Amino acid sequence: MSIAQTIADEIGRRIIRGDLEPGQQALVENDLVTEFGASRNIVREAVKTLAAKNLIRSQRRNGTFVELPEKWNLLDPQVLTWMLSEDNTRDALLTSLSEMRRIFEPEAAALAAERASPRQVLEILECYDSMEKYANDPKRAIEFDVRFHGAVLEACGNPLLRSFNESISMLLRANFNLSIQVDNAFIRNLEEHRIIAEAIRGGDPDRARAASIELLSKNENDIKKMHAMELER
């Protein structure tokens, strides 16, 4: 990681944590040069990085200010990494993910059943087979679960949805790391994955959609149980 990236990472995390509040004058160039022992050019590069993520905005002659959370680029992988690492932003982010998945995943599965190429069908089936094979190996199981959903998104044939794949995969990985801890959730959810895969192979959009809705409902319940368990600790 370069010095500019290190500075951007540190300041980004401060903003996400709430150490720097929206509207607050956040970045004084001289202060950053002193704090990080970096040149002005490097500090400016870090500031540009944060501005590109919509975490800050620069006002001519007035300085640099923290943006409102509603303006943050939540599809930026680095912003997601920062938010997932903080308890005060992680839970709300994953709740929003559940809502977003309900909006697009069932229809993406249905479209995949209509549009998937033989190669894409094979990839989805192979991901499912690996999920089943590694059901008792959480790390590998989660990885193939993420790949399964990514493969379905690719197979739906919608370029806008496919463009979300990297960001959605990061969020799914965090989601599954939580939900897998609840009552053998991964093994319980294999059946819906199997049905989705078979429906896509068989060109049955209605069955793919219904199984996806059922899977999302179970995942939401598992996340709620996980939050309840955390509160009891």
C-alpha atoms as a PDB file:
ATOM      1  CA  MET A   1       0.000   0.000   0.000  1.00  0.00           C
ATOM      2  CA  SER A   2       1.404   3.394  -1.013  1.00  0.00           C
ATOM      3  CA  ILE A   3       1.712   6.295   1.418  1.00  0.00           C
ATOM      4  CA  ALA A   4      -1.205   8.076  -0.266  1.00  0.00           C
ATOM      5  CA  GLN A   5      -3.334   4.928   0.052  1.00  0.00           C
ATOM      6  CA  THR A   6      -2.356   4.572   3.724  1.00  0.00           C
ATOM      7  CA  ILE A   7      -3.432   8.140   4.422  1.00  0.00           C
ATOM      8  CA  ALA A   8      -6.703   7.669   2.535  1.00  0.00           C
ATOM      9  CA  ASP A   9      -7.346   4.419   4.422  1.00  0.00           C
ATOM     10  CA  GLU A  10      -6.823   6.045   7.816  1.00  0.00           C
ATOM     11  CA  ILE A  11      -8.918   9.128   7.088  1.00  0.00           C
ATOM     12  CA  GLY A  12     -11.619   7.014   5.420  1.00  0.00           C
ATOM     13  CA  ARG A  13     -11.932   4.836   8.514  1.00  0.00           C
ATOM     14  CA  ARG A  14     -12.181   7.941  10.723  1.00  0.00           C
ATOM     15  CA  ILE A  15     -15.049   9.222   8.609  1.00  0.00           C
ATOM     16  CA  ILE A  16     -16.871   5.872   8.630  1.00  0.00           C
ATOM     17  CA  ARG A  17     -16.440   5.558  12.428  1.00  0.00           C
ATOM     18  CA  GLY A  18     -17.909   9.009  12.914  1.00  0.00           C
ATOM     19  CA  ASP A  19     -14.711  10.508  14.321  1.00  0.00           C
ATOM     20  CA  LEU A  20     -15.163  13.177  11.643  1.00  0.00           C
ATOM     21  CA  GLU A  21     -18.779  14.276  11.342  1.00  0.00           C
ATOM     22  CA  PRO A  22     -20.670  15.340   8.202  1.00  0.00           C
ATOM     23  CA  GLY A  23     -20.157  19.002   7.473  1.00  0.00           C
ATOM     24  CA  GLN A  24     -17.036  19.134   9.628  1.00  0.00           C
ATOM     25  CA  GLN A  25     -13.916  20.627   8.107  1.00  0.00           C
ATOM     26  CA  ALA A  26     -12.000  17.401   7.915  1.00  0.00           C
ATOM     27  CA  LEU A  27      -8.735  17.698   6.129  1.00  0.00           C
ATOM     28  CA  VAL A  28      -6.346  20.577   6.614  1.00  0.00           C
ATOM     29  CA  GLU A  29      -3.415  19.984   4.312  1.00  0.00           C
ATOM     30  CA  ASN A  30      -0.767  21.293   6.709  1.00  0.00           C
ATOM     31  CA  ASP A  31      -2.096  19.082   9.518  1.00  0.00           C
ATOM     32  CA  LEU A  32      -1.995  15.975   7.337  1.00  0.00           C
ATOM     33  CA  VAL A  33       1.535  16.740   6.154  1.00  0.00           C
ATOM     34  CA  THR A  34       2.592  16.992   9.802  1.00  0.00           C
ATOM     35  CA  GLU A  35       0.646  13.940  11.038  1.00  0.00           C
ATOM     36  CA  PHE A  36       1.751  11.534   8.321  1.00  0.00           C
ATOM     37  CA  GLY A  37       5.130  13.052   7.466  1.00  0.00           C
ATOM     38  CA  ALA A  38       4.168  13.049   3.802  1.00  0.00           C
ATOM     39  CA  SER A  39       4.675  15.560   1.023  1.00  0.00           C
ATOM     40  CA  ARG A  40       1.892  17.876  -0.083  1.00  0.00           C
ATOM     41  CA  ASN A  41       1.552  16.047  -3.377  1.00  0.00           C
ATOM     42  CA  ILE A  42       0.987  12.724  -1.607  1.00  0.00           C
ATOM     43  CA  VAL A  43      -1.543  14.275   0.770  1.00  0.00           C
ATOM     44  CA  ARG A  44      -3.403  15.803  -2.177  1.00  0.00           C
ATOM     45  CA  GLU A  45      -3.482  12.400  -3.883  1.00  0.00           C
ATOM     46  CA  ALA A  46      -5.058  10.884  -0.753  1.00  0.00           C
ATOM     47  CA  VAL A  47      -7.648  13.665  -0.621  1.00  0.00           C
ATOM     48  CA  LYS A  48      -8.534  13.087  -4.282  1.00  0.00           C
ATOM     49  CA  THR A  49      -9.032   9.382  -3.527  1.00  0.00           C
ATOM     50  CA  LEU A  50     -11.503  10.163  -0.746  1.00  0.00           C
ATOM     51  CA  ALA A  51     -13.299  12.750  -2.861  1.00  0.00           C
ATOM     52  CA  ALA A  52     -13.727  10.180  -5.652  1.00  0.00           C
ATOM     53  CA  LYS A  53     -15.510   7.953  -3.134  1.00  0.00           C
ATOM     54  CA  ASN A  54     -17.799  10.867  -2.167  1.00  0.00           C
ATOM     55  CA  LEU A  55     -16.606  10.789   1.436  1.00  0.00           C
ATOM     56  CA  ILE A  56     -15.441  14.393   1.302  1.00  0.00           C
ATOM     57  CA  ARG A  57     -15.966  17.490  -0.809  1.00  0.00           C
ATOM     58  CA  SER A  58     -13.669  20.427  -1.404  1.00  0.00           C
ATOM     59  CA  GLN A  59     -14.925  23.990  -1.337  1.00  0.00           C
ATOM     60  CA  ARG A  60     -12.761  26.598  -2.962  1.00  0.00           C
ATOM     61  CA  ARG A  61     -11.144  28.821  -0.311  1.00  0.00           C
ATOM     62  CA  ASN A  62     -13.113  27.130   2.498  1.00  0.00           C
ATOM     63  CA  GLY A  63     -11.361  23.758   2.787  1.00  0.00           C
ATOM     64  CA  THR A  64     -12.395  20.105   2.677  1.00  0.00           C
ATOM     65  CA  PHE A  65     -15.539  18.850   4.403  1.00  0.00           C
ATOM     66  CA  VAL A  66     -17.005  15.447   5.289  1.00  0.00           C
ATOM     67  CA  GLU A  67     -19.944  14.438   3.108  1.00  0.00           C
ATOM     68  CA  LEU A  68     -23.266  13.131   4.388  1.00  0.00           C
ATOM     69  CA  PRO A  69     -23.435   9.293   4.540  1.00  0.00           C
ATOM     70  CA  GLU A  70     -26.195   9.314   1.920  1.00  0.00           C
ATOM     71  CA  LYS A  71     -23.647  10.552  -0.606  1.00  0.00           C
ATOM     72  CA  TRP A  72     -20.943   7.942   0.094  1.00  0.00           C
ATOM     73  CA  ASN A  73     -20.245   5.571  -2.788  1.00  0.00           C
ATOM     74  CA  LEU A  74     -21.464   2.326  -1.245  1.00  0.00           C
ATOM     75  CA  LEU A  75     -20.475   0.304  -4.286  1.00  0.00           C
ATOM     76  CA  ASP A  76     -16.825   1.215  -3.830  1.00  0.00           C
ATOM     77  CA  PRO A  77     -14.997  -1.883  -2.509  1.00  0.00           C
ATOM     78  CA  GLN A  78     -12.800   0.135  -0.149  1.00  0.00           C
ATOM     79  CA  VAL A  79     -15.747   2.023   1.347  1.00  0.00           C
ATOM     80  CA  LEU A  80     -17.515  -1.303   1.863  1.00  0.00           C
ATOM     81  CA  THR A  81     -14.416  -2.735   3.561  1.00  0.00           C
ATOM     82  CA  TRP A  82     -14.316   0.191   5.966  1.00  0.00           C
ATOM     83  CA  MET A  83     -18.037  -0.016   6.729  1.00  0.00           C
ATOM     84  CA  LEU A  84     -17.975  -3.777   7.284  1.00  0.00           C
ATOM     85  CA  SER A  85     -15.109  -3.388   9.764  1.00  0.00           C
ATOM     86  CA  GLU A  86     -17.105  -1.057  12.031  1.00  0.00           C
ATOM     87  CA  ASP A  87     -19.950  -2.322  14.231  1.00  0.00           C
ATOM     88  CA  ASN A  88     -21.838   0.974  13.958  1.00  0.00           C
ATOM     89  CA  THR A  89     -22.124   0.686  10.167  1.00  0.00           C
ATOM     90  CA  ARG A  90     -21.904  -3.068   9.490  1.00  0.00           C
ATOM     91  CA  ASP A  91     -25.346  -4.121  10.737  1.00  0.00           C
ATOM     92  CA  ALA A  92     -27.231  -1.363   8.915  1.00  0.00           C
ATOM     93  CA  LEU A  93     -25.280  -2.129   5.746  1.00  0.00           C
ATOM     94  CA  LEU A  94     -26.151  -5.832   5.875  1.00  0.00           C
ATOM     95  CA  THR A  95     -29.811  -5.012   6.555  1.00  0.00           C
ATOM     96  CA  SER A  96     -29.785  -2.834   3.446  1.00  0.00           C
ATOM     97  CA  LEU A  97     -28.166  -5.720   1.567  1.00  0.00           C
ATOM     98  CA  SER A  98     -31.050  -8.021   2.518  1.00  0.00           C
ATOM     99  CA  GLU A  99     -33.531  -5.489   1.152  1.00  0.00           C
ATOM    100  CA  MET A 100     -31.524  -5.033  -2.028  1.00  0.00           C
ATOM    101  CA  ARG A 101     -31.259  -8.776  -2.581  1.00  0.00           C
ATOM    102  CA  ARG A 102     -35.039  -9.105  -2.335  1.00  0.00           C
ATOM    103  CA  ILE A 103     -35.383  -6.479  -5.053  1.00  0.00           C
ATOM    104  CA  PHE A 104     -33.112  -8.081  -7.653  1.00  0.00           C
ATOM    105  CA  GLU A 105     -32.054 -11.665  -6.829  1.00  0.00           C
ATOM    106  CA  PRO A 106     -35.323 -13.488  -7.540  1.00  0.00           C
ATOM    107  CA  GLU A 107     -35.644 -11.776 -10.920  1.00  0.00           C
ATOM    108  CA  ALA A 108     -31.961 -12.342 -11.678  1.00  0.00           C
ATOM    109  CA  ALA A 109     -32.472 -16.063 -11.013  1.00  0.00           C
ATOM    110  CA  ALA A 110     -35.548 -16.075 -13.269  1.00  0.00           C
ATOM    111  CA  LEU A 111     -33.657 -14.289 -16.041  1.00  0.00           C
ATOM    112  CA  ALA A 112     -30.769 -16.742 -15.683  1.00  0.00           C
ATOM    113  CA  ALA A 113     -33.232 -19.594 -16.219  1.00  0.00           C
ATOM    114  CA  GLU A 114     -34.236 -17.957 -19.497  1.00  0.00           C
ATOM    115  CA  ARG A 115     -30.839 -16.760 -20.713  1.00  0.00           C
ATOM    116  CA  ALA A 116     -27.995 -18.808 -19.243  1.00  0.00           C
ATOM    117  CA  SER A 117     -25.593 -20.352 -21.739  1.00  0.00           C
ATOM    118  CA  PRO A 118     -24.517 -23.997 -21.332  1.00  0.00           C
ATOM    119  CA  ARG A 119     -21.170 -22.796 -19.935  1.00  0.00           C
ATOM    120  CA  GLN A 120     -22.908 -20.569 -17.378  1.00  0.00           C
ATOM    121  CA  VAL A 121     -25.274 -23.366 -16.347  1.00  0.00           C
ATOM    122  CA  LEU A 122     -22.287 -25.643 -15.849  1.00  0.00           C
ATOM    123  CA  GLU A 123     -20.547 -23.039 -13.670  1.00  0.00           C
ATOM    124  CA  ILE A 124     -23.637 -22.644 -11.476  1.00  0.00           C
ATOM    125  CA  LEU A 125     -23.953 -26.421 -11.087  1.00  0.00           C
ATOM    126  CA  GLU A 126     -20.242 -26.770 -10.259  1.00  0.00           C
ATOM    127  CA  CYS A 127     -20.533 -24.071  -7.621  1.00  0.00           C
ATOM    128  CA  TYR A 128     -23.463 -25.902  -6.055  1.00  0.00           C
ATOM    129  CA  ASP A 129     -21.596 -29.223  -6.117  1.00  0.00           C
ATOM    130  CA  SER A 130     -18.645 -27.556  -4.335  1.00  0.00           C
ATOM    131  CA  MET A 131     -20.977 -26.013  -1.753  1.00  0.00           C
ATOM    132  CA  GLU A 132     -22.331 -29.469  -1.014  1.00  0.00           C
ATOM    133  CA  LYS A 133     -18.856 -31.012  -0.970  1.00  0.00           C
ATOM    134  CA  TYR A 134     -17.475 -28.456   1.499  1.00  0.00           C
ATOM    135  CA  ALA A 135     -20.622 -28.015   3.585  1.00  0.00           C
ATOM    136  CA  ASN A 136     -18.672 -28.727   6.768  1.00  0.00           C
ATOM    137  CA  ASP A 137     -15.757 -26.465   5.852  1.00  0.00           C
ATOM    138  CA  PRO A 138     -17.081 -22.925   6.550  1.00  0.00           C
ATOM    139  CA  LYS A 139     -14.331 -21.014   4.755  1.00  0.00           C
ATOM    140  CA  ARG A 140     -14.601 -22.976   1.498  1.00  0.00           C
ATOM    141  CA  ALA A 141     -18.376 -23.272   1.772  1.00  0.00           C
ATOM    142  CA  ILE A 142     -18.788 -19.501   1.971  1.00  0.00           C
ATOM    143  CA  GLU A 143     -16.444 -18.928  -0.943  1.00  0.00           C
ATOM    144  CA  PHE A 144     -18.406 -21.251  -3.226  1.00  0.00           C
ATOM    145  CA  ASP A 145     -21.691 -19.785  -1.968  1.00  0.00           C
ATOM    146  CA  VAL A 146     -20.490 -16.315  -3.013  1.00  0.00           C
ATOM    147  CA  ARG A 147     -19.365 -17.727  -6.379  1.00  0.00           C
ATOM    148  CA  PHE A 148     -22.758 -19.374  -6.855  1.00  0.00           C
ATOM    149  CA  HIS A 149     -24.600 -16.085  -6.497  1.00  0.00           C
ATOM    150  CA  GLY A 150     -22.054 -14.322  -8.675  1.00  0.00           C
ATOM    151  CA  ALA A 151     -22.502 -16.960 -11.368  1.00  0.00           C
ATOM    152  CA  VAL A 152     -26.285 -16.516 -11.284  1.00  0.00           C
ATOM    153  CA  LEU A 153     -25.857 -12.749 -11.590  1.00  0.00           C
ATOM    154  CA  GLU A 154     -23.551 -13.229 -14.565  1.00  0.00           C
ATOM    155  CA  ALA A 155     -25.988 -15.634 -16.193  1.00  0.00           C
ATOM    156  CA  CYS A 156     -28.945 -13.252 -15.946  1.00  0.00           C
ATOM    157  CA  GLY A 157     -27.518 -11.379 -18.922  1.00  0.00           C
ATOM    158  CA  ASN A 158     -28.169  -7.886 -17.569  1.00  0.00           C
ATOM    159  CA  PRO A 159     -24.988  -5.782 -17.825  1.00  0.00           C
ATOM    160  CA  LEU A 160     -26.108  -3.319 -15.121  1.00  0.00           C
ATOM    161  CA  LEU A 161     -26.718  -6.086 -12.596  1.00  0.00           C
ATOM    162  CA  ARG A 162     -23.448  -7.761 -13.552  1.00  0.00           C
ATOM    163  CA  SER A 163     -21.605  -4.506 -12.817  1.00  0.00           C
ATOM    164  CA  PHE A 164     -22.624  -4.850  -9.152  1.00  0.00           C
ATOM    165  CA  ASN A 165     -20.984  -8.261  -8.863  1.00  0.00           C
ATOM    166  CA  GLU A 166     -17.738  -7.280  -7.124  1.00  0.00           C
ATOM    167  CA  SER A 167     -19.440  -5.115  -4.506  1.00  0.00           C
ATOM    168  CA  ILE A 168     -22.285  -7.569  -3.928  1.00  0.00           C
ATOM    169  CA  SER A 169     -19.787 -10.413  -3.505  1.00  0.00           C
ATOM    170  CA  MET A 170     -18.001  -8.524  -0.727  1.00  0.00           C
ATOM    171  CA  LEU A 171     -21.276  -7.919   1.087  1.00  0.00           C
ATOM    172  CA  LEU A 172     -22.447 -11.494   0.621  1.00  0.00           C
ATOM    173  CA  ARG A 173     -19.205 -12.798   2.082  1.00  0.00           C
ATOM    174  CA  ALA A 174     -19.761 -10.703   5.225  1.00  0.00           C
ATOM    175  CA  ASN A 175     -23.416 -11.731   5.352  1.00  0.00           C
ATOM    176  CA  PHE A 176     -22.636 -15.442   5.044  1.00  0.00           C
ATOM    177  CA  ASN A 177     -19.907 -15.253   7.677  1.00  0.00           C
ATOM    178  CA  LEU A 178     -22.615 -14.196  10.108  1.00  0.00           C
ATOM    179  CA  SER A 179     -25.508 -16.381   8.995  1.00  0.00           C
ATOM    180  CA  ILE A 180     -23.423 -19.564   8.790  1.00  0.00           C
ATOM    181  CA  GLN A 181     -23.018 -19.467  12.571  1.00  0.00           C
ATOM    182  CA  VAL A 182     -26.731 -20.076  13.184  1.00  0.00           C
ATOM    183  CA  ASP A 183     -28.157 -23.594  13.567  1.00  0.00           C
ATOM    184  CA  ASN A 184     -26.355 -25.240  10.630  1.00  0.00           C
ATOM    185  CA  ALA A 185     -27.712 -22.493   8.399  1.00  0.00           C
ATOM    186  CA  PHE A 186     -25.453 -23.348   5.477  1.00  0.00           C
ATOM    187  CA  ILE A 187     -26.574 -26.977   5.324  1.00  0.00           C
ATOM    188  CA  ARG A 188     -30.221 -25.997   5.776  1.00  0.00           C
ATOM    189  CA  ASN A 189     -30.009 -23.593   2.852  1.00  0.00           C
ATOM    190  CA  LEU A 190     -28.403 -26.023   0.422  1.00  0.00           C
ATOM    191  CA  GLU A 191     -31.791 -27.257  -0.760  1.00  0.00           C
ATOM    192  CA  GLU A 192     -32.836 -23.857  -2.120  1.00  0.00           C
ATOM    193  CA  HIS A 193     -29.499 -23.484  -3.895  1.00  0.00           C
ATOM    194  CA  ARG A 194     -30.010 -26.902  -5.495  1.00  0.00           C
ATOM    195  CA  ILE A 195     -33.500 -25.942  -6.669  1.00  0.00           C
ATOM    196  CA  ILE A 196     -32.251 -22.661  -8.135  1.00  0.00           C
ATOM    197  CA  ALA A 197     -29.462 -24.451  -9.985  1.00  0.00           C
ATOM    198  CA  GLU A 198     -31.793 -27.126 -11.329  1.00  0.00           C
ATOM    199  CA  ALA A 199     -34.410 -24.559 -12.337  1.00  0.00           C
ATOM    200  CA  ILE A 200     -31.818 -22.585 -14.270  1.00  0.00           C
ATOM    201  CA  ARG A 201     -30.615 -25.773 -15.970  1.00  0.00           C
ATOM    202  CA  GLY A 202     -34.216 -26.703 -16.792  1.00  0.00           C
ATOM    203  CA  GLY A 203     -35.167 -23.249 -18.050  1.00  0.00           C
ATOM    204  CA  ASP A 204     -37.859 -22.803 -15.369  1.00  0.00           C
ATOM    205  CA  PRO A 205     -37.886 -19.101 -14.335  1.00  0.00           C
ATOM    206  CA  ASP A 206     -40.872 -19.401 -11.984  1.00  0.00           C
ATOM    207  CA  ARG A 207     -39.242 -22.178  -9.976  1.00  0.00           C
ATOM    208  CA  ALA A 208     -35.916 -20.302  -9.865  1.00  0.00           C
ATOM    209  CA  ARG A 209     -37.672 -17.154  -8.651  1.00  0.00           C
ATOM    210  CA  ALA A 210     -39.659 -18.970  -5.947  1.00  0.00           C
ATOM    211  CA  ALA A 211     -36.592 -20.791  -4.595  1.00  0.00           C
ATOM    212  CA  SER A 212     -34.644 -17.536  -4.502  1.00  0.00           C
ATOM    213  CA  ILE A 213     -37.399 -15.835  -2.493  1.00  0.00           C
ATOM    214  CA  GLU A 214     -37.451 -18.738  -0.036  1.00  0.00           C
ATOM    215  CA  LEU A 215     -33.656 -18.663   0.294  1.00  0.00           C
ATOM    216  CA  LEU A 216     -33.639 -14.934   1.013  1.00  0.00           C
ATOM    217  CA  SER A 217     -36.340 -15.323   3.642  1.00  0.00           C
ATOM    218  CA  LYS A 218     -34.311 -17.987   5.440  1.00  0.00           C
ATOM    219  CA  ASN A 219     -31.150 -15.891   5.235  1.00  0.00           C
ATOM    220  CA  GLU A 220     -32.910 -12.883   6.770  1.00  0.00           C
ATOM    221  CA  ASN A 221     -34.176 -15.038   9.635  1.00  0.00           C
ATOM    222  CA  ASP A 222     -30.682 -16.403  10.236  1.00  0.00           C
ATOM    223  CA  ILE A 223     -29.214 -12.891  10.388  1.00  0.00           C
ATOM    224  CA  LYS A 224     -31.897 -11.842  12.899  1.00  0.00           C
ATOM    225  CA  LYS A 225     -31.063 -14.864  15.047  1.00  0.00           C
ATOM    226  CA  MET A 226     -27.368 -13.995  14.860  1.00  0.00           C
ATOM    227  CA  HIS A 227     -28.026 -10.432  16.015  1.00  0.00           C
ATOM    228  CA  ALA A 228     -30.132 -11.749  18.897  1.00  0.00           C
ATOM    229  CA  MET A 229     -27.302 -14.098  19.901  1.00  0.00           C
ATOM    230  CA  GLU A 230     -24.840 -11.203  19.866  1.00  0.00           C
ATOM    231  CA  LEU A 231     -27.084  -9.126  22.119  1.00  0.00           C
ATOM    232  CA  GLU A 232     -27.273 -11.986  24.644  1.00  0.00           C
ATOM    233  CA  ARG A 233     -23.469 -12.231  24.944  1.00  0.00           C
END
